[in-house]
Amino acid sequence: MSPELKAQIYTIVARVPEGRVTSYGRIATMTEGATARMVGSAMRQLPSGHGLPWHRVINASGKLADHAGAVEQQRLLKAEGINLEGKSRVPTSFFWP
């Protein structure tokens, strides 16, 4: 993935408003050629101390991924007022755009 494409992805992630989420696929459609998998890869490559709201990027079904940061992601989303259905699904009303 080119540095320019990765920068596009990170710029879009930075714009996701507090209290809202978006999907890897939605971010991909806002770029010039990324796929949802590429967005996921870019998110995994975020450097430590990046400051981007990574926790607001989820899969299209609204289900949070089962990864090392899942507990922290749930905590951050709840702190922003996003009430999860069950333990790991974000209602579609919280999706942006």
C-alpha atoms as a PDB file:
ATOM      1  CA  MET A   1       0.000   0.000   0.000  1.00  0.00           C
ATOM      2  CA  SER A   2       1.342   3.382  -0.938  1.00  0.00           C
ATOM      3  CA  PRO A   3       2.095   5.982   1.719  1.00  0.00           C
ATOM      4  CA  GLU A   4      -0.415   8.282  -0.005  1.00  0.00           C
ATOM      5  CA  LEU A   5      -3.224   5.738   0.296  1.00  0.00           C
ATOM      6  CA  LYS A   6      -2.378   5.073   3.930  1.00  0.00           C
ATOM      7  CA  ALA A   7      -2.456   8.835   4.566  1.00  0.00           C
ATOM      8  CA  GLN A   8      -5.930   9.027   2.964  1.00  0.00           C
ATOM      9  CA  ILE A   9      -7.148   6.271   5.270  1.00  0.00           C
ATOM     10  CA  TYR A  10      -5.755   7.976   8.368  1.00  0.00           C
ATOM     11  CA  THR A  11      -7.238  11.332   7.329  1.00  0.00           C
ATOM     12  CA  ILE A  12     -10.693   9.774   7.050  1.00  0.00           C
ATOM     13  CA  VAL A  13     -10.352   7.946  10.381  1.00  0.00           C
ATOM     14  CA  ALA A  14      -9.416  11.254  12.021  1.00  0.00           C
ATOM     15  CA  ARG A  15     -12.746  12.723  10.827  1.00  0.00           C
ATOM     16  CA  VAL A  16     -15.009  10.082  12.399  1.00  0.00           C
ATOM     17  CA  PRO A  17     -16.943  12.092  15.006  1.00  0.00           C
ATOM     18  CA  GLU A  18     -17.001  11.203  18.668  1.00  0.00           C
ATOM     19  CA  GLY A  19     -19.966   8.984  19.471  1.00  0.00           C
ATOM     20  CA  ARG A  20     -20.086   7.538  15.948  1.00  0.00           C
ATOM     21  CA  VAL A  21     -18.442   4.603  14.178  1.00  0.00           C
ATOM     22  CA  THR A  22     -17.704   3.656  10.595  1.00  0.00           C
ATOM     23  CA  SER A  23     -16.672   0.492   8.838  1.00  0.00           C
ATOM     24  CA  TYR A  24     -13.503  -0.556   7.084  1.00  0.00           C
ATOM     25  CA  GLY A  25     -15.498  -0.758   3.856  1.00  0.00           C
ATOM     26  CA  ARG A  26     -16.995   2.720   4.166  1.00  0.00           C
ATOM     27  CA  ILE A  27     -13.541   4.166   4.703  1.00  0.00           C
ATOM     28  CA  ALA A  28     -12.299   2.245   1.652  1.00  0.00           C
ATOM     29  CA  THR A  29     -15.008   3.764  -0.560  1.00  0.00           C
ATOM     30  CA  MET A  30     -13.854   7.260   0.457  1.00  0.00           C
ATOM     31  CA  THR A  31     -10.290   6.619  -0.737  1.00  0.00           C
ATOM     32  CA  GLU A  32      -8.694   6.359  -4.135  1.00  0.00           C
ATOM     33  CA  GLY A  33      -8.389   2.586  -4.356  1.00  0.00           C
ATOM     34  CA  ALA A  34      -8.274   1.037  -0.908  1.00  0.00           C
ATOM     35  CA  THR A  35     -10.176  -2.115   0.006  1.00  0.00           C
ATOM     36  CA  ALA A  36     -11.672  -2.905   3.398  1.00  0.00           C
ATOM     37  CA  ARG A  37      -8.787  -5.308   4.052  1.00  0.00           C
ATOM     38  CA  MET A  38      -6.293  -2.581   3.232  1.00  0.00           C
ATOM     39  CA  VAL A  39      -7.992  -0.276   5.728  1.00  0.00           C
ATOM     40  CA  GLY A  40      -7.746  -3.010   8.369  1.00  0.00           C
ATOM     41  CA  SER A  41      -4.079  -3.471   7.566  1.00  0.00           C
ATOM     42  CA  ALA A  42      -3.450   0.274   7.872  1.00  0.00           C
ATOM     43  CA  MET A  43      -5.215   0.307  11.231  1.00  0.00           C
ATOM     44  CA  ARG A  44      -3.018  -2.541  12.500  1.00  0.00           C
ATOM     45  CA  GLN A  45       0.058  -0.564  11.442  1.00  0.00           C
ATOM     46  CA  LEU A  46      -0.770   2.547  13.464  1.00  0.00           C
ATOM     47  CA  PRO A  47       2.322   3.653  15.360  1.00  0.00           C
ATOM     48  CA  SER A  48       2.193   3.887  19.120  1.00  0.00           C
ATOM     49  CA  GLY A  49       1.001   7.283  20.358  1.00  0.00           C
ATOM     50  CA  HIS A  50      -0.787   8.069  17.058  1.00  0.00           C
ATOM     51  CA  GLY A  51      -3.865   9.755  18.557  1.00  0.00           C
ATOM     52  CA  LEU A  52      -6.288   8.522  15.888  1.00  0.00           C
ATOM     53  CA  PRO A  53      -9.718   7.264  16.999  1.00  0.00           C
ATOM     54  CA  TRP A  54      -8.999   3.672  15.900  1.00  0.00           C
ATOM     55  CA  HIS A  55     -11.758   2.401  18.179  1.00  0.00           C
ATOM     56  CA  ARG A  56     -14.409   3.988  15.939  1.00  0.00           C
ATOM     57  CA  VAL A  57     -13.588   1.691  13.003  1.00  0.00           C
ATOM     58  CA  ILE A  58     -15.503  -1.592  13.023  1.00  0.00           C
ATOM     59  CA  ASN A  59     -16.763  -4.183  10.556  1.00  0.00           C
ATOM     60  CA  ALA A  60     -19.821  -3.566   8.385  1.00  0.00           C
ATOM     61  CA  SER A  61     -22.107  -5.773  10.478  1.00  0.00           C
ATOM     62  CA  GLY A  62     -21.445  -3.600  13.531  1.00  0.00           C
ATOM     63  CA  LYS A  63     -19.681  -6.369  15.374  1.00  0.00           C
ATOM     64  CA  LEU A  64     -16.463  -5.555  17.148  1.00  0.00           C
ATOM     65  CA  ALA A  65     -13.542  -7.745  16.151  1.00  0.00           C
ATOM     66  CA  ASP A  66     -12.083 -10.148  18.684  1.00  0.00           C
ATOM     67  CA  HIS A  67      -8.556  -8.761  18.950  1.00  0.00           C
ATOM     68  CA  ALA A  68      -6.096  -7.743  21.634  1.00  0.00           C
ATOM     69  CA  GLY A  69      -7.613  -4.247  21.882  1.00  0.00           C
ATOM     70  CA  ALA A  70     -11.259  -5.386  22.037  1.00  0.00           C
ATOM     71  CA  VAL A  71     -11.753  -4.630  25.732  1.00  0.00           C
ATOM     72  CA  GLU A  72     -10.219  -1.176  25.318  1.00  0.00           C
ATOM     73  CA  GLN A  73     -12.323  -0.571  22.198  1.00  0.00           C
ATOM     74  CA  GLN A  74     -15.519  -1.424  24.090  1.00  0.00           C
ATOM     75  CA  ARG A  75     -14.506   0.862  26.956  1.00  0.00           C
ATOM     76  CA  LEU A  76     -13.732   3.789  24.642  1.00  0.00           C
ATOM     77  CA  LEU A  77     -16.964   3.407  22.673  1.00  0.00           C
ATOM     78  CA  LYS A  78     -19.046   3.227  25.841  1.00  0.00           C
ATOM     79  CA  ALA A  79     -17.283   6.332  27.159  1.00  0.00           C
ATOM     80  CA  GLU A  80     -18.448   8.143  24.001  1.00  0.00           C
ATOM     81  CA  GLY A  81     -22.055   7.129  24.623  1.00  0.00           C
ATOM     82  CA  ILE A  82     -22.228   4.202  22.226  1.00  0.00           C
ATOM     83  CA  ASN A  83     -24.350   1.520  23.831  1.00  0.00           C
ATOM     84  CA  LEU A  84     -23.462  -1.899  22.513  1.00  0.00           C
ATOM     85  CA  GLU A  85     -26.041  -4.562  21.775  1.00  0.00           C
ATOM     86  CA  GLY A  86     -24.899  -7.542  23.787  1.00  0.00           C
ATOM     87  CA  LYS A  87     -21.179  -7.326  24.370  1.00  0.00           C
ATOM     88  CA  SER A  88     -19.918  -6.579  20.931  1.00  0.00           C
ATOM     89  CA  ARG A  89     -22.376  -5.118  18.400  1.00  0.00           C
ATOM     90  CA  VAL A  90     -22.840  -1.429  17.639  1.00  0.00           C
ATOM     91  CA  PRO A  91     -26.390  -0.468  16.545  1.00  0.00           C
ATOM     92  CA  THR A  92     -26.563   0.917  12.995  1.00  0.00           C
ATOM     93  CA  SER A  93     -27.884   4.248  14.322  1.00  0.00           C
ATOM     94  CA  PHE A  94     -24.309   5.060  15.427  1.00  0.00           C
ATOM     95  CA  PHE A  95     -22.781   4.614  11.954  1.00  0.00           C
ATOM     96  CA  TRP A  96     -21.191   7.584  10.176  1.00  0.00           C
ATOM     97  CA  PRO A  97     -21.654   8.842   7.487  1.00  0.00           C
END
